[in-house]
């Protein structure tokens, strides 16, 4: 199975930001699909302080070839000083679904 596909994780501070980024990525054919998981609580260290925040998680399904463009779009639109942008390779998947990812991207 090819590993030319990825899921990119990105947390957002609110629904509006999450939807704006998701729509931009799909509209620009950089991602085939973006799921938005609401109501997530993140606990993390930032500038030597323990922080907690309610966030929305984006699950971005895309071809690996689009990673750099996706990262650039997210950084441009994201309000965080240091947004979470983590790509995880898809090792296996339903072949028809993976082909669908390709068909949705430029």
Protein backbone atom coordinates (compact mmCIF):
# COMPACT_ATOMS: atom_id res chain seq x y z
CA UNK A 1 0.00 0.00 0.00
CA UNK A 2 1.28 3.44 -0.89
CA UNK A 3 2.21 5.92 1.82
CA UNK A 4 1.63 8.97 -0.36
CA UNK A 5 -1.35 9.97 1.79
CA UNK A 6 -1.46 11.71 5.14
CA UNK A 7 -3.70 13.01 7.88
CA UNK A 8 -2.68 16.41 9.15
CA UNK A 9 -3.73 17.36 12.67
CA UNK A 10 -4.33 21.01 13.48
CA UNK A 11 -5.98 22.47 16.57
CA UNK A 12 -7.99 25.70 16.33
CA UNK A 13 -9.24 28.03 19.07
CA UNK A 14 -12.85 28.13 17.86
CA UNK A 15 -15.36 26.77 15.36
CA UNK A 16 -15.14 29.78 13.06
CA UNK A 17 -11.36 29.48 12.64
CA UNK A 18 -11.66 25.71 12.14
CA UNK A 19 -14.35 26.07 9.47
CA UNK A 20 -12.50 28.86 7.68
CA UNK A 21 -9.30 26.82 7.43
CA UNK A 22 -11.18 23.64 6.46
CA UNK A 23 -13.14 25.37 3.70
CA UNK A 24 -10.04 27.13 2.38
CA UNK A 25 -8.08 23.86 2.13
CA UNK A 26 -10.91 21.98 0.40
CA UNK A 27 -11.82 24.91 -1.87
CA UNK A 28 -8.17 25.27 -2.95
CA UNK A 29 -8.02 21.49 -3.62
CA UNK A 30 -5.22 21.00 -1.11
CA UNK A 31 -7.30 18.57 0.98
CA UNK A 32 -9.97 16.10 -0.04
CA UNK A 33 -11.78 16.26 3.29
CA UNK A 34 -11.40 18.00 6.63
CA UNK A 35 -13.21 16.74 9.73
CA UNK A 36 -13.75 19.16 12.58
CA UNK A 37 -13.91 17.60 16.05
CA UNK A 38 -15.33 20.14 18.52
CA UNK A 39 -15.15 20.37 22.28
CA UNK A 40 -11.62 19.12 22.82
CA UNK A 41 -9.71 20.23 25.92
CA UNK A 42 -5.97 20.70 25.50
CA UNK A 43 -3.55 20.87 28.44
CA UNK A 44 -0.08 22.06 27.45
CA UNK A 45 2.99 24.02 28.48
CA UNK A 46 3.40 27.42 26.85
CA UNK A 47 6.06 29.92 27.85
CA UNK A 48 6.80 27.95 31.03
CA UNK A 49 3.14 27.95 32.16
CA UNK A 50 0.65 25.10 32.21
CA UNK A 51 -2.29 26.18 30.05
CA UNK A 52 -5.71 24.74 29.28
CA UNK A 53 -7.86 25.60 26.28
CA UNK A 54 -11.05 24.42 24.59
CA UNK A 55 -10.19 23.76 20.97
CA UNK A 56 -11.44 22.22 17.75
CA UNK A 57 -9.29 19.58 16.04
CA UNK A 58 -8.97 19.44 12.26
CA UNK A 59 -8.33 16.05 10.64
CA UNK A 60 -7.10 16.95 7.18
CA UNK A 61 -6.93 14.14 4.60
CA UNK A 62 -4.53 14.93 1.78
CA UNK A 63 -1.82 13.71 -0.53
CA UNK A 64 1.69 14.12 0.91
CA UNK A 65 2.65 16.23 -2.10
CA UNK A 66 0.34 18.98 -0.78
CA UNK A 67 1.90 19.21 2.69
CA UNK A 68 4.01 22.35 2.18
CA UNK A 69 1.11 24.26 0.60
CA UNK A 70 -1.25 23.15 3.39
CA UNK A 71 1.23 24.22 6.07
CA UNK A 72 1.66 27.61 4.40
CA UNK A 73 -2.14 28.17 4.14
CA UNK A 74 -2.71 27.19 7.76
CA UNK A 75 0.10 29.43 9.06
CA UNK A 76 -1.29 32.36 7.08
CA UNK A 77 -4.85 31.91 8.43
CA UNK A 78 -4.19 30.64 11.94
CA UNK A 79 -4.36 33.03 14.92
CA UNK A 80 -1.91 31.07 17.10
CA UNK A 81 1.70 32.18 17.33
CA UNK A 82 2.69 28.51 17.01
CA UNK A 83 -0.11 26.41 15.50
CA UNK A 84 -0.12 22.64 15.79
CA UNK A 85 0.47 21.22 12.31
CA UNK A 86 1.43 17.54 12.46
CA UNK A 87 1.32 15.15 9.52
CA UNK A 88 0.82 11.43 10.06
CA UNK A 89 1.27 9.07 7.11
CA UNK A 90 -1.62 6.82 6.14
CA UNK A 91 -0.04 3.38 5.89
CA UNK A 92 -3.16 1.55 4.75
CA UNK A 93 -6.64 2.49 3.64
CA UNK A 94 -9.52 1.48 1.45
CA UNK A 95 -8.02 1.83 -2.04
CA UNK A 96 -11.15 3.47 -3.42
CA UNK A 97 -11.04 6.08 -0.64
CA UNK A 98 -7.37 6.81 -1.29
CA UNK A 99 -8.08 7.20 -5.01
CA UNK A 100 -10.91 9.58 -4.08
CA UNK A 101 -8.38 11.74 -2.18
CA UNK A 102 -6.35 12.00 -5.39
CA UNK A 103 -9.44 12.88 -7.45
CA UNK A 104 -10.26 15.84 -5.17
CA UNK A 105 -6.84 17.45 -5.27
CA UNK A 106 -5.10 19.51 -7.92
